[in-house]
Amino acid sequence: MEDVHLAQALNYLKAYRLEVGLLINFGSKSLTFKRLVLSKKNP
């Protein structure tokens, strides 16, 4: 996972007004994932 993927996932959370999301990478040798939590302090 690269920073651009993380930034895009955070943009989706903001756009859809969601607080929690999962960024999942199926392309690596083993499955990797990152749980994203959008702080309510951020506009």
PDB file of N, CA and C in Angstrom:
ATOM      1  N   MET A   1       0.845  -1.177   0.000  1.00  0.00           N
ATOM      2  CA  MET A   1       0.000   0.000   0.000  1.00  0.00           C
ATOM      3  C   MET A   1       0.888   1.237   0.000  1.00  0.00           C
ATOM      4  N   GLU A   2       0.516   2.165  -0.832  1.00  0.00           N
ATOM      5  CA  GLU A   2       1.270   3.402  -0.928  1.00  0.00           C
ATOM      6  C   GLU A   2       0.468   4.553  -0.331  1.00  0.00           C
ATOM      7  N   ASP A   3       1.145   5.660  -0.102  1.00  0.00           N
ATOM      8  CA  ASP A   3       0.494   6.831   0.493  1.00  0.00           C
ATOM      9  C   ASP A   3      -0.663   7.350  -0.348  1.00  0.00           C
ATOM     10  N   VAL A   4      -0.551   7.226  -1.675  1.00  0.00           N
ATOM     11  CA  VAL A   4      -1.643   7.703  -2.538  1.00  0.00           C
ATOM     12  C   VAL A   4      -2.909   6.885  -2.319  1.00  0.00           C
ATOM     13  N   HIS A   5      -2.767   5.590  -2.039  1.00  0.00           N
ATOM     14  CA  HIS A   5      -3.938   4.749  -1.779  1.00  0.00           C
ATOM     15  C   HIS A   5      -4.579   5.127  -0.446  1.00  0.00           C
ATOM     16  N   LEU A   6      -3.757   5.399   0.536  1.00  0.00           N
ATOM     17  CA  LEU A   6      -4.264   5.825   1.838  1.00  0.00           C
ATOM     18  C   LEU A   6      -4.997   7.158   1.712  1.00  0.00           C
ATOM     19  N   ALA A   7      -4.418   8.094   0.976  1.00  0.00           N
ATOM     20  CA  ALA A   7      -5.045   9.402   0.782  1.00  0.00           C
ATOM     21  C   ALA A   7      -6.382   9.271   0.058  1.00  0.00           C
ATOM     22  N   GLN A   8      -6.440   8.412  -0.950  1.00  0.00           N
ATOM     23  CA  GLN A   8      -7.693   8.218  -1.691  1.00  0.00           C
ATOM     24  C   GLN A   8      -8.774   7.621  -0.795  1.00  0.00           C
ATOM     25  N   ALA A   9      -8.407   6.656   0.032  1.00  0.00           N
ATOM     26  CA  ALA A   9      -9.377   6.047   0.944  1.00  0.00           C
ATOM     27  C   ALA A   9      -9.893   7.078   1.947  1.00  0.00           C
ATOM     28  N   LEU A  10      -9.017   7.935   2.453  1.00  0.00           N
ATOM     29  CA  LEU A  10      -9.450   8.976   3.385  1.00  0.00           C
ATOM     30  C   LEU A  10     -10.372   9.980   2.692  1.00  0.00           C
ATOM     31  N   ASN A  11     -10.098  10.286   1.434  1.00  0.00           N
ATOM     32  CA  ASN A  11     -10.979  11.176   0.676  1.00  0.00           C
ATOM     33  C   ASN A  11     -12.368  10.571   0.504  1.00  0.00           C
ATOM     34  N   TYR A  12     -12.427   9.265   0.265  1.00  0.00           N
ATOM     35  CA  TYR A  12     -13.726   8.592   0.160  1.00  0.00           C
ATOM     36  C   TYR A  12     -14.484   8.655   1.487  1.00  0.00           C
ATOM     37  N   LEU A  13     -13.787   8.448   2.591  1.00  0.00           N
ATOM     38  CA  LEU A  13     -14.441   8.526   3.894  1.00  0.00           C
ATOM     39  C   LEU A  13     -15.035   9.913   4.112  1.00  0.00           C
ATOM     40  N   LYS A  14     -14.270  10.941   3.776  1.00  0.00           N
ATOM     41  CA  LYS A  14     -14.764  12.318   3.931  1.00  0.00           C
ATOM     42  C   LYS A  14     -15.952  12.583   3.006  1.00  0.00           C
ATOM     43  N   ALA A  15     -15.843  12.156   1.751  1.00  0.00           N
ATOM     44  CA  ALA A  15     -16.888  12.422   0.768  1.00  0.00           C
ATOM     45  C   ALA A  15     -18.213  11.752   1.137  1.00  0.00           C
ATOM     46  N   TYR A  16     -18.136  10.540   1.662  1.00  0.00           N
ATOM     47  CA  TYR A  16     -19.348   9.801   2.011  1.00  0.00           C
ATOM     48  C   TYR A  16     -19.732   9.952   3.479  1.00  0.00           C
ATOM     49  N   ARG A  17     -18.994  10.821   4.178  1.00  0.00           N
ATOM     50  CA  ARG A  17     -19.248  11.096   5.596  1.00  0.00           C
ATOM     51  C   ARG A  17     -19.267   9.826   6.432  1.00  0.00           C
ATOM     52  N   LEU A  18     -18.247   8.994   6.218  1.00  0.00           N
ATOM     53  CA  LEU A  18     -18.082   7.769   6.991  1.00  0.00           C
ATOM     54  C   LEU A  18     -16.950   7.959   7.994  1.00  0.00           C
ATOM     55  N   GLU A  19     -17.008   7.236   9.096  1.00  0.00           N
ATOM     56  CA  GLU A  19     -15.973   7.365  10.117  1.00  0.00           C
ATOM     57  C   GLU A  19     -14.911   6.278  10.025  1.00  0.00           C
ATOM     58  N   VAL A  20     -15.297   5.092   9.559  1.00  0.00           N
ATOM     59  CA  VAL A  20     -14.392   3.946   9.558  1.00  0.00           C
ATOM     60  C   VAL A  20     -14.390   3.284   8.185  1.00  0.00           C
ATOM     61  N   GLY A  21     -13.212   2.852   7.755  1.00  0.00           N
ATOM     62  CA  GLY A  21     -13.104   2.162   6.478  1.00  0.00           C
ATOM     63  C   GLY A  21     -11.965   1.161   6.499  1.00  0.00           C
ATOM     64  N   LEU A  22     -11.929   0.280   5.519  1.00  0.00           N
ATOM     65  CA  LEU A  22     -10.849  -0.700   5.367  1.00  0.00           C
ATOM     66  C   LEU A  22     -10.186  -0.498   4.014  1.00  0.00           C
ATOM     67  N   LEU A  23      -8.866  -0.459   4.028  1.00  0.00           N
ATOM     68  CA  LEU A  23      -8.081  -0.422   2.809  1.00  0.00           C
ATOM     69  C   LEU A  23      -7.447  -1.800   2.687  1.00  0.00           C
ATOM     70  N   ILE A  24      -7.840  -2.555   1.656  1.00  0.00           N
ATOM     71  CA  ILE A  24      -7.414  -3.950   1.509  1.00  0.00           C
ATOM     72  C   ILE A  24      -6.597  -4.104   0.237  1.00  0.00           C
ATOM     73  N   ASN A  25      -5.454  -4.782   0.368  1.00  0.00           N
ATOM     74  CA  ASN A  25      -4.579  -5.027  -0.775  1.00  0.00           C
ATOM     75  C   ASN A  25      -4.552  -6.529  -1.059  1.00  0.00           C
ATOM     76  N   PHE A  26      -5.160  -6.921  -2.160  1.00  0.00           N
ATOM     77  CA  PHE A  26      -5.177  -8.320  -2.572  1.00  0.00           C
ATOM     78  C   PHE A  26      -3.999  -8.652  -3.492  1.00  0.00           C
ATOM     79  N   GLY A  27      -3.230  -7.633  -3.911  1.00  0.00           N
ATOM     80  CA  GLY A  27      -2.188  -7.819  -4.908  1.00  0.00           C
ATOM     81  C   GLY A  27      -0.853  -8.290  -4.374  1.00  0.00           C
ATOM     82  N   SER A  28      -0.635  -8.253  -3.077  1.00  0.00           N
ATOM     83  CA  SER A  28       0.649  -8.690  -2.524  1.00  0.00           C
ATOM     84  C   SER A  28       0.636 -10.204  -2.302  1.00  0.00           C
ATOM     85  N   LYS A  29       1.787 -10.729  -1.903  1.00  0.00           N
ATOM     86  CA  LYS A  29       1.878 -12.189  -1.682  1.00  0.00           C
ATOM     87  C   LYS A  29       0.906 -12.661  -0.614  1.00  0.00           C
ATOM     88  N   SER A  30       0.757 -11.857   0.418  1.00  0.00           N
ATOM     89  CA  SER A  30      -0.245 -12.164   1.436  1.00  0.00           C
ATOM     90  C   SER A  30      -1.181 -10.965   1.564  1.00  0.00           C
ATOM     91  N   LEU A  31      -2.386 -11.222   1.969  1.00  0.00           N
ATOM     92  CA  LEU A  31      -3.386 -10.173   2.103  1.00  0.00           C
ATOM     93  C   LEU A  31      -2.926  -9.160   3.149  1.00  0.00           C
ATOM     94  N   THR A  32      -2.980  -7.896   2.796  1.00  0.00           N
ATOM     95  CA  THR A  32      -2.678  -6.843   3.762  1.00  0.00           C
ATOM     96  C   THR A  32      -3.868  -5.904   3.835  1.00  0.00           C
ATOM     97  N   PHE A  33      -4.071  -5.347   5.009  1.00  0.00           N
ATOM     98  CA  PHE A  33      -5.185  -4.436   5.183  1.00  0.00           C
ATOM     99  C   PHE A  33      -4.821  -3.374   6.210  1.00  0.00           C
ATOM    100  N   LYS A  34      -5.558  -2.275   6.153  1.00  0.00           N
ATOM    101  CA  LYS A  34      -5.382  -1.197   7.114  1.00  0.00           C
ATOM    102  C   LYS A  34      -6.753  -0.652   7.461  1.00  0.00           C
ATOM    103  N   ARG A  35      -7.028  -0.535   8.729  1.00  0.00           N
ATOM    104  CA  ARG A  35      -8.289   0.035   9.203  1.00  0.00           C
ATOM    105  C   ARG A  35      -8.088   1.536   9.331  1.00  0.00           C
ATOM    106  N   LEU A  36      -8.987   2.303   8.742  1.00  0.00           N
ATOM    107  CA  LEU A  36      -8.891   3.760   8.758  1.00  0.00           C
ATOM    108  C   LEU A  36     -10.018   4.334   9.601  1.00  0.00           C
ATOM    109  N   VAL A  37      -9.664   5.259  10.473  1.00  0.00           N
ATOM    110  CA  VAL A  37     -10.659   5.944  11.293  1.00  0.00           C
ATOM    111  C   VAL A  37     -10.497   7.429  11.055  1.00  0.00           C
ATOM    112  N   LEU A  38     -11.565   8.057  10.612  1.00  0.00           N
ATOM    113  CA  LEU A  38     -11.559   9.492  10.355  1.00  0.00           C
ATOM    114  C   LEU A  38     -11.980  10.226  11.614  1.00  0.00           C
ATOM    115  N   SER A  39     -11.105  11.065  12.116  1.00  0.00           N
ATOM    116  CA  SER A  39     -11.383  11.818  13.337  1.00  0.00           C
ATOM    117  C   SER A  39     -12.470  12.849  13.071  1.00  0.00           C
ATOM    118  N   LYS A  40     -13.356  13.027  14.013  1.00  0.00           N
ATOM    119  CA  LYS A  40     -14.426  14.021  13.856  1.00  0.00           C
ATOM    120  C   LYS A  40     -13.887  15.438  13.967  1.00  0.00           C
ATOM    121  N   LYS A  41     -12.668  15.607  14.472  1.00  0.00           N
ATOM    122  CA  LYS A  41     -12.054  16.925  14.598  1.00  0.00           C
ATOM    123  C   LYS A  41     -11.692  17.510  13.246  1.00  0.00           C
ATOM    124  N   ASN A  42     -11.426  16.629  12.249  1.00  0.00           N
ATOM    125  CA  ASN A  42     -11.071  17.091  10.909  1.00  0.00           C
ATOM    126  C   ASN A  42     -12.324  17.516  10.161  1.00  0.00           C
ATOM    127  N   PRO A  43     -12.292  18.680   9.467  1.00  0.00           N
ATOM    128  CA  PRO A  43     -13.490  19.121   8.721  1.00  0.00           C
ATOM    129  C   PRO A  43     -13.746  18.291   7.495  1.00  0.00           C
TER     130      PRO A  43
END
